[in-house]
Amino acid sequence: MSKRLLGGLLPVLILFLGFAMPAAGQERLEEGLWTGTVFTPDGQIFDLSYDVSYAEDALGIELILPAEIGMGNIMAGGPVHEGEALSFTLEVGESVSCSLVAQADGSYEGECIDSTGEGAIMTMMPPEDG
C-alpha cells in the first residue's frame, strides 16, 4: 500500500474510530450509597439502600434489603444506565425486570415487573453530599 494512499485513509480512519468509540464523557451514576423505597403490589413499603459502584466502566448495583424481608442483599443483574433510563434484573425466586427513569431532583423512579405482570414501584435517591 502506498504512503499516499495510507496518508489519505488515515484521517478517515481516525474520524470513523472516533464515532465508533463510546463517548468518554458519558454520564455515570454517582457512586456511593443511594437510598430508596419499594412499594409492593400488596401494599407493603420497605426502605432499602443501593450500593452503586463501577469496576472500570461496568456499573454494579447491590441492593441492601432490610432484615424483615429475610432475603439478604441482592446484586442487580445486568444494570444498564443510558441517558435518563436505568434498568436491571433481580433474582428473587424468579426474575424481576426493573426499569427506572431519572427525575428532576436527580432520583430515579420506576417499576419492577415479575413474570405474572405484577409490579412494585421502586425509588432511588442519590447519596447526600457531605
N, C-alpha and C. Protein backbone atom coordinates (compact mmCIF):
# COMPACT_ATOMS: atom_id res chain seq x y z
N MET A 1 0.85 -1.16 0.00
CA MET A 1 0.00 0.00 0.00
C MET A 1 0.90 1.24 0.00
N SER A 2 0.60 2.18 -0.85
CA SER A 2 1.46 3.35 -0.97
C SER A 2 1.29 4.30 0.21
N LYS A 3 2.33 5.08 0.46
CA LYS A 3 2.28 6.06 1.55
C LYS A 3 1.20 7.10 1.28
N ARG A 4 1.00 7.45 0.00
CA ARG A 4 -0.01 8.45 -0.35
C ARG A 4 -1.40 7.93 0.01
N LEU A 5 -1.68 6.66 -0.33
CA LEU A 5 -2.99 6.07 -0.02
C LEU A 5 -3.20 5.99 1.48
N LEU A 6 -2.16 5.54 2.19
CA LEU A 6 -2.25 5.48 3.65
C LEU A 6 -2.47 6.86 4.25
N GLY A 7 -1.76 7.85 3.73
CA GLY A 7 -1.90 9.21 4.23
C GLY A 7 -3.31 9.74 4.00
N GLY A 8 -3.95 9.35 2.90
CA GLY A 8 -5.31 9.79 2.62
C GLY A 8 -6.35 9.05 3.45
N LEU A 9 -6.08 7.78 3.79
CA LEU A 9 -7.03 6.99 4.57
C LEU A 9 -6.94 7.27 6.06
N LEU A 10 -5.80 7.71 6.52
CA LEU A 10 -5.59 7.90 7.95
C LEU A 10 -6.61 8.86 8.57
N PRO A 11 -6.85 10.04 8.00
CA PRO A 11 -7.85 10.92 8.63
C PRO A 11 -9.25 10.30 8.63
N VAL A 12 -9.59 9.55 7.58
CA VAL A 12 -10.90 8.91 7.51
C VAL A 12 -11.02 7.84 8.60
N LEU A 13 -9.96 7.04 8.81
CA LEU A 13 -9.97 6.02 9.85
C LEU A 13 -10.07 6.65 11.24
N ILE A 14 -9.36 7.71 11.47
CA ILE A 14 -9.41 8.38 12.77
C ILE A 14 -10.82 8.92 13.01
N LEU A 15 -11.43 9.52 12.00
CA LEU A 15 -12.78 10.04 12.13
C LEU A 15 -13.76 8.90 12.42
N PHE A 16 -13.63 7.78 11.67
CA PHE A 16 -14.52 6.63 11.88
C PHE A 16 -14.37 6.06 13.29
N LEU A 17 -13.15 5.87 13.73
CA LEU A 17 -12.92 5.31 15.06
C LEU A 17 -13.42 6.25 16.14
N GLY A 18 -13.33 7.54 15.93
CA GLY A 18 -13.85 8.50 16.90
C GLY A 18 -15.34 8.36 17.09
N PHE A 19 -16.08 8.07 16.01
CA PHE A 19 -17.52 7.89 16.13
C PHE A 19 -17.88 6.51 16.66
N ALA A 20 -17.04 5.53 16.45
CA ALA A 20 -17.36 4.16 16.86
C ALA A 20 -17.07 3.92 18.35
N MET A 21 -16.21 4.73 18.93
CA MET A 21 -15.85 4.53 20.32
C MET A 21 -16.89 5.18 21.23
N PRO A 22 -17.11 4.62 22.42
CA PRO A 22 -18.07 5.24 23.35
C PRO A 22 -17.59 6.61 23.79
N ALA A 23 -18.52 7.46 24.07
CA ALA A 23 -18.18 8.82 24.50
C ALA A 23 -17.47 8.79 25.84
N ALA A 24 -16.35 9.47 25.90
CA ALA A 24 -15.57 9.47 27.14
C ALA A 24 -16.32 10.18 28.26
N GLY A 25 -17.15 11.14 27.92
CA GLY A 25 -17.85 11.90 28.94
C GLY A 25 -19.24 11.38 29.25
N GLN A 26 -19.53 10.14 28.86
CA GLN A 26 -20.87 9.60 29.11
C GLN A 26 -21.17 9.67 30.61
N GLU A 27 -22.35 10.21 30.93
CA GLU A 27 -22.72 10.43 32.32
C GLU A 27 -22.87 9.10 33.06
N ARG A 28 -22.32 9.07 34.26
CA ARG A 28 -22.40 7.89 35.11
C ARG A 28 -23.24 8.20 36.33
N LEU A 29 -23.80 7.16 36.92
CA LEU A 29 -24.49 7.33 38.20
C LEU A 29 -23.44 7.69 39.26
N GLU A 30 -23.84 8.47 40.22
CA GLU A 30 -22.94 8.81 41.30
C GLU A 30 -22.66 7.56 42.14
N GLU A 31 -21.40 7.29 42.37
CA GLU A 31 -21.04 6.13 43.19
C GLU A 31 -21.32 6.43 44.65
N GLY A 32 -21.68 5.39 45.39
CA GLY A 32 -21.93 5.55 46.81
C GLY A 32 -23.24 4.89 47.22
N LEU A 33 -23.68 5.22 48.41
CA LEU A 33 -24.87 4.60 48.98
C LEU A 33 -26.12 5.43 48.69
N TRP A 34 -26.94 4.92 47.78
CA TRP A 34 -28.22 5.53 47.46
C TRP A 34 -29.25 4.97 48.42
N THR A 35 -30.34 5.70 48.63
CA THR A 35 -31.43 5.21 49.47
C THR A 35 -32.70 5.18 48.64
N GLY A 36 -33.67 4.44 49.12
CA GLY A 36 -34.92 4.38 48.37
C GLY A 36 -35.99 3.59 49.07
N THR A 37 -37.06 3.39 48.34
CA THR A 37 -38.23 2.71 48.87
C THR A 37 -38.80 1.79 47.81
N VAL A 38 -39.35 0.68 48.26
CA VAL A 38 -40.10 -0.23 47.39
C VAL A 38 -41.53 -0.29 47.91
N PHE A 39 -42.47 -0.06 47.00
CA PHE A 39 -43.90 -0.17 47.31
C PHE A 39 -44.38 -1.44 46.61
N THR A 40 -44.66 -2.50 47.37
CA THR A 40 -45.04 -3.78 46.80
C THR A 40 -46.50 -3.79 46.33
N PRO A 41 -46.86 -4.71 45.44
CA PRO A 41 -48.24 -4.78 44.95
C PRO A 41 -49.26 -5.04 46.06
N ASP A 42 -48.83 -5.69 47.15
CA ASP A 42 -49.78 -5.97 48.24
C ASP A 42 -49.81 -4.86 49.29
N GLY A 43 -49.21 -3.70 48.99
CA GLY A 43 -49.33 -2.54 49.86
C GLY A 43 -48.23 -2.37 50.89
N GLN A 44 -47.25 -3.25 50.92
CA GLN A 44 -46.15 -3.09 51.87
C GLN A 44 -45.16 -2.04 51.36
N ILE A 45 -44.50 -1.39 52.29
CA ILE A 45 -43.50 -0.38 51.95
C ILE A 45 -42.22 -0.74 52.70
N PHE A 46 -41.12 -0.81 51.95
CA PHE A 46 -39.82 -1.13 52.54
C PHE A 46 -38.80 -0.08 52.14
N ASP A 47 -38.03 0.39 53.11
CA ASP A 47 -36.88 1.25 52.83
C ASP A 47 -35.69 0.34 52.54
N LEU A 48 -34.86 0.74 51.59
CA LEU A 48 -33.67 -0.03 51.26
C LEU A 48 -32.58 0.91 50.81
N SER A 49 -31.39 0.34 50.62
CA SER A 49 -30.24 1.09 50.13
C SER A 49 -29.69 0.40 48.90
N TYR A 50 -28.99 1.17 48.11
CA TYR A 50 -28.35 0.66 46.89
C TYR A 50 -26.89 1.08 46.93
N ASP A 51 -25.99 0.12 46.85
CA ASP A 51 -24.56 0.43 46.79
C ASP A 51 -24.18 0.47 45.31
N VAL A 52 -23.98 1.69 44.79
CA VAL A 52 -23.68 1.89 43.37
C VAL A 52 -22.18 2.05 43.21
N SER A 53 -21.59 1.26 42.31
CA SER A 53 -20.15 1.33 42.08
C SER A 53 -19.85 0.99 40.62
N TYR A 54 -18.61 1.24 40.24
CA TYR A 54 -18.13 0.89 38.91
C TYR A 54 -16.83 0.11 39.05
N ALA A 55 -16.71 -0.96 38.27
CA ALA A 55 -15.45 -1.68 38.11
C ALA A 55 -15.03 -1.39 36.67
N GLU A 56 -14.04 -0.53 36.51
CA GLU A 56 -13.69 0.05 35.22
C GLU A 56 -14.93 0.79 34.72
N ASP A 57 -15.54 0.37 33.62
CA ASP A 57 -16.74 1.06 33.13
C ASP A 57 -18.01 0.27 33.38
N ALA A 58 -17.91 -0.86 34.08
CA ALA A 58 -19.09 -1.70 34.32
C ALA A 58 -19.81 -1.26 35.59
N LEU A 59 -21.08 -0.93 35.43
CA LEU A 59 -21.91 -0.49 36.55
C LEU A 59 -22.29 -1.68 37.42
N GLY A 60 -22.20 -1.50 38.73
CA GLY A 60 -22.64 -2.52 39.69
C GLY A 60 -23.59 -1.91 40.69
N ILE A 61 -24.69 -2.59 40.98
CA ILE A 61 -25.65 -2.12 41.97
C ILE A 61 -25.99 -3.29 42.89
N GLU A 62 -25.72 -3.10 44.19
CA GLU A 62 -26.10 -4.09 45.19
C GLU A 62 -27.23 -3.51 46.01
N LEU A 63 -28.36 -4.22 46.07
CA LEU A 63 -29.49 -3.79 46.88
C LEU A 63 -29.29 -4.31 48.30
N ILE A 64 -29.32 -3.41 49.26
CA ILE A 64 -29.17 -3.76 50.66
C ILE A 64 -30.57 -3.72 51.26
N LEU A 65 -31.11 -4.91 51.49
CA LEU A 65 -32.51 -5.05 51.91
C LEU A 65 -32.63 -5.06 53.43
N PRO A 66 -33.76 -4.59 53.94
CA PRO A 66 -33.97 -4.64 55.39
C PRO A 66 -34.12 -6.08 55.88
N ALA A 67 -33.74 -6.31 57.12
CA ALA A 67 -33.75 -7.66 57.70
C ALA A 67 -35.14 -8.30 57.65
N GLU A 68 -36.21 -7.50 57.80
CA GLU A 68 -37.56 -8.08 57.84
C GLU A 68 -37.97 -8.74 56.53
N ILE A 69 -37.29 -8.43 55.45
CA ILE A 69 -37.60 -9.10 54.17
C ILE A 69 -37.05 -10.52 54.20
N GLY A 70 -35.93 -10.72 54.91
CA GLY A 70 -35.36 -12.05 55.07
C GLY A 70 -34.68 -12.61 53.83
N MET A 71 -34.14 -11.75 52.96
CA MET A 71 -33.50 -12.22 51.73
C MET A 71 -32.02 -11.91 51.66
N GLY A 72 -31.52 -11.10 52.55
CA GLY A 72 -30.13 -10.67 52.44
C GLY A 72 -29.99 -9.65 51.32
N ASN A 73 -28.76 -9.37 50.94
CA ASN A 73 -28.51 -8.40 49.86
C ASN A 73 -28.61 -9.08 48.50
N ILE A 74 -28.92 -8.30 47.48
CA ILE A 74 -29.10 -8.84 46.13
C ILE A 74 -28.28 -8.00 45.16
N MET A 75 -27.50 -8.64 44.32
CA MET A 75 -26.80 -7.94 43.25
C MET A 75 -27.76 -7.78 42.07
N ALA A 76 -27.86 -6.57 41.56
CA ALA A 76 -28.67 -6.34 40.36
C ALA A 76 -27.98 -6.97 39.17
N GLY A 77 -28.74 -7.68 38.37
CA GLY A 77 -28.18 -8.31 37.19
C GLY A 77 -28.22 -7.39 35.99
N GLY A 78 -27.11 -7.31 35.28
CA GLY A 78 -27.03 -6.56 34.03
C GLY A 78 -27.48 -5.12 34.09
N PRO A 79 -27.05 -4.35 35.11
CA PRO A 79 -27.52 -2.97 35.17
C PRO A 79 -27.03 -2.15 33.98
N VAL A 80 -27.95 -1.37 33.40
CA VAL A 80 -27.62 -0.52 32.26
C VAL A 80 -28.16 0.88 32.55
N HIS A 81 -27.28 1.87 32.40
CA HIS A 81 -27.66 3.27 32.57
C HIS A 81 -27.39 3.98 31.26
N GLU A 82 -28.47 4.38 30.58
CA GLU A 82 -28.33 5.09 29.31
C GLU A 82 -29.23 6.32 29.34
N GLY A 83 -28.63 7.48 29.30
CA GLY A 83 -29.40 8.72 29.32
C GLY A 83 -30.20 8.83 30.61
N GLU A 84 -31.51 8.92 30.47
CA GLU A 84 -32.42 9.06 31.62
C GLU A 84 -32.89 7.72 32.17
N ALA A 85 -32.52 6.62 31.51
CA ALA A 85 -33.05 5.29 31.86
C ALA A 85 -32.04 4.45 32.62
N LEU A 86 -32.55 3.72 33.61
CA LEU A 86 -31.76 2.76 34.38
C LEU A 86 -32.55 1.47 34.42
N SER A 87 -31.94 0.38 34.00
CA SER A 87 -32.63 -0.90 34.02
C SER A 87 -31.72 -1.99 34.57
N PHE A 88 -32.34 -3.00 35.19
CA PHE A 88 -31.61 -4.14 35.74
C PHE A 88 -32.61 -5.24 36.06
N THR A 89 -32.10 -6.42 36.37
CA THR A 89 -32.96 -7.51 36.81
C THR A 89 -32.59 -7.90 38.23
N LEU A 90 -33.55 -8.49 38.91
CA LEU A 90 -33.33 -9.02 40.26
C LEU A 90 -33.77 -10.46 40.28
N GLU A 91 -32.97 -11.31 40.89
CA GLU A 91 -33.34 -12.72 41.06
C GLU A 91 -33.81 -12.91 42.49
N VAL A 92 -35.12 -13.01 42.67
CA VAL A 92 -35.73 -13.12 43.99
C VAL A 92 -36.70 -14.31 44.00
N GLY A 93 -36.16 -15.48 43.64
CA GLY A 93 -37.00 -16.66 43.50
C GLY A 93 -37.53 -16.76 42.07
N GLU A 94 -37.62 -15.65 41.41
CA GLU A 94 -37.93 -15.55 39.99
C GLU A 94 -37.25 -14.28 39.49
N SER A 95 -37.20 -14.13 38.18
CA SER A 95 -36.56 -12.96 37.60
C SER A 95 -37.55 -11.79 37.57
N VAL A 96 -37.10 -10.66 38.09
CA VAL A 96 -37.90 -9.43 38.11
C VAL A 96 -37.15 -8.39 37.29
N SER A 97 -37.85 -7.75 36.36
CA SER A 97 -37.25 -6.77 35.48
C SER A 97 -37.61 -5.36 35.95
N CYS A 98 -36.58 -4.54 36.19
CA CYS A 98 -36.79 -3.18 36.71
C CYS A 98 -36.39 -2.15 35.66
N SER A 99 -37.24 -1.15 35.50
CA SER A 99 -36.99 -0.02 34.60
C SER A 99 -37.30 1.26 35.34
N LEU A 100 -36.27 2.07 35.57
CA LEU A 100 -36.42 3.32 36.30
C LEU A 100 -36.05 4.48 35.39
N VAL A 101 -36.63 5.65 35.68
CA VAL A 101 -36.38 6.85 34.87
C VAL A 101 -35.93 7.97 35.79
N ALA A 102 -34.96 8.76 35.32
CA ALA A 102 -34.44 9.88 36.10
C ALA A 102 -35.54 10.92 36.32
N GLN A 103 -35.54 11.48 37.52
CA GLN A 103 -36.49 12.53 37.90
C GLN A 103 -35.73 13.86 37.99
N ALA A 104 -36.46 14.95 38.03
CA ALA A 104 -35.86 16.29 38.04
C ALA A 104 -34.93 16.51 39.24
N ASP A 105 -35.19 15.83 40.36
CA ASP A 105 -34.37 16.02 41.56
C ASP A 105 -33.13 15.13 41.61
N GLY A 106 -32.85 14.38 40.52
CA GLY A 106 -31.68 13.51 40.48
C GLY A 106 -31.96 12.09 40.93
N SER A 107 -33.16 11.84 41.40
CA SER A 107 -33.53 10.49 41.82
C SER A 107 -34.00 9.68 40.60
N TYR A 108 -34.25 8.40 40.83
CA TYR A 108 -34.82 7.52 39.80
C TYR A 108 -36.06 6.87 40.37
N GLU A 109 -37.04 6.68 39.51
CA GLU A 109 -38.28 6.03 39.93
C GLU A 109 -38.80 5.18 38.78
N GLY A 110 -39.37 4.03 39.14
CA GLY A 110 -39.91 3.17 38.11
C GLY A 110 -40.55 1.93 38.69
N GLU A 111 -40.72 0.96 37.82
CA GLU A 111 -41.44 -0.24 38.19
C GLU A 111 -40.58 -1.47 37.97
N CYS A 112 -40.77 -2.43 38.87
CA CYS A 112 -40.14 -3.75 38.74
C CYS A 112 -41.28 -4.75 38.52
N ILE A 113 -41.22 -5.47 37.41
CA ILE A 113 -42.30 -6.36 37.00
C ILE A 113 -41.84 -7.81 37.09
N ASP A 114 -42.67 -8.67 37.71
CA ASP A 114 -42.36 -10.09 37.79
C ASP A 114 -43.01 -10.84 36.62
N SER A 115 -42.86 -12.16 36.60
CA SER A 115 -43.36 -12.97 35.48
C SER A 115 -44.89 -12.99 35.38
N THR A 116 -45.58 -12.63 36.47
CA THR A 116 -47.05 -12.60 36.43
C THR A 116 -47.57 -11.24 35.96
N GLY A 117 -46.65 -10.29 35.79
CA GLY A 117 -47.06 -8.95 35.37
C GLY A 117 -47.31 -8.00 36.52
N GLU A 118 -47.19 -8.49 37.75
CA GLU A 118 -47.36 -7.60 38.91
C GLU A 118 -46.12 -6.73 39.05
N GLY A 119 -46.36 -5.50 39.47
CA GLY A 119 -45.24 -4.57 39.59
C GLY A 119 -45.15 -3.91 40.94
N ALA A 120 -43.93 -3.68 41.35
CA ALA A 120 -43.64 -2.91 42.55
C ALA A 120 -43.02 -1.59 42.10
N ILE A 121 -43.33 -0.52 42.79
CA ILE A 121 -42.73 0.78 42.49
C ILE A 121 -41.45 0.92 43.31
N MET A 122 -40.38 1.35 42.63
CA MET A 122 -39.07 1.47 43.28
C MET A 122 -38.55 2.88 43.09
N THR A 123 -37.98 3.45 44.14
CA THR A 123 -37.33 4.75 44.05
C THR A 123 -35.87 4.64 44.47
N MET A 124 -35.04 5.49 43.93
CA MET A 124 -33.61 5.59 44.28
C MET A 124 -33.25 7.05 44.43
N MET A 125 -32.75 7.43 45.59
CA MET A 125 -32.29 8.79 45.85
C MET A 125 -30.75 8.79 45.91
N PRO A 126 -30.10 9.72 45.22
CA PRO A 126 -28.63 9.72 45.21
C PRO A 126 -28.05 9.99 46.60
N PRO A 127 -26.77 9.66 46.76
CA PRO A 127 -26.11 9.93 48.05
C PRO A 127 -26.20 11.40 48.42
N GLU A 128 -26.33 11.65 49.71
CA GLU A 128 -26.34 13.04 50.18
C GLU A 128 -24.92 13.53 50.25
N ASP A 129 -24.70 14.74 49.81
CA ASP A 129 -23.35 15.33 49.88
C ASP A 129 -23.02 15.71 51.31
N GLY A 130 -21.75 15.52 51.62
CA GLY A 130 -21.28 15.95 52.94
C GLY A 130 -21.30 14.87 53.89
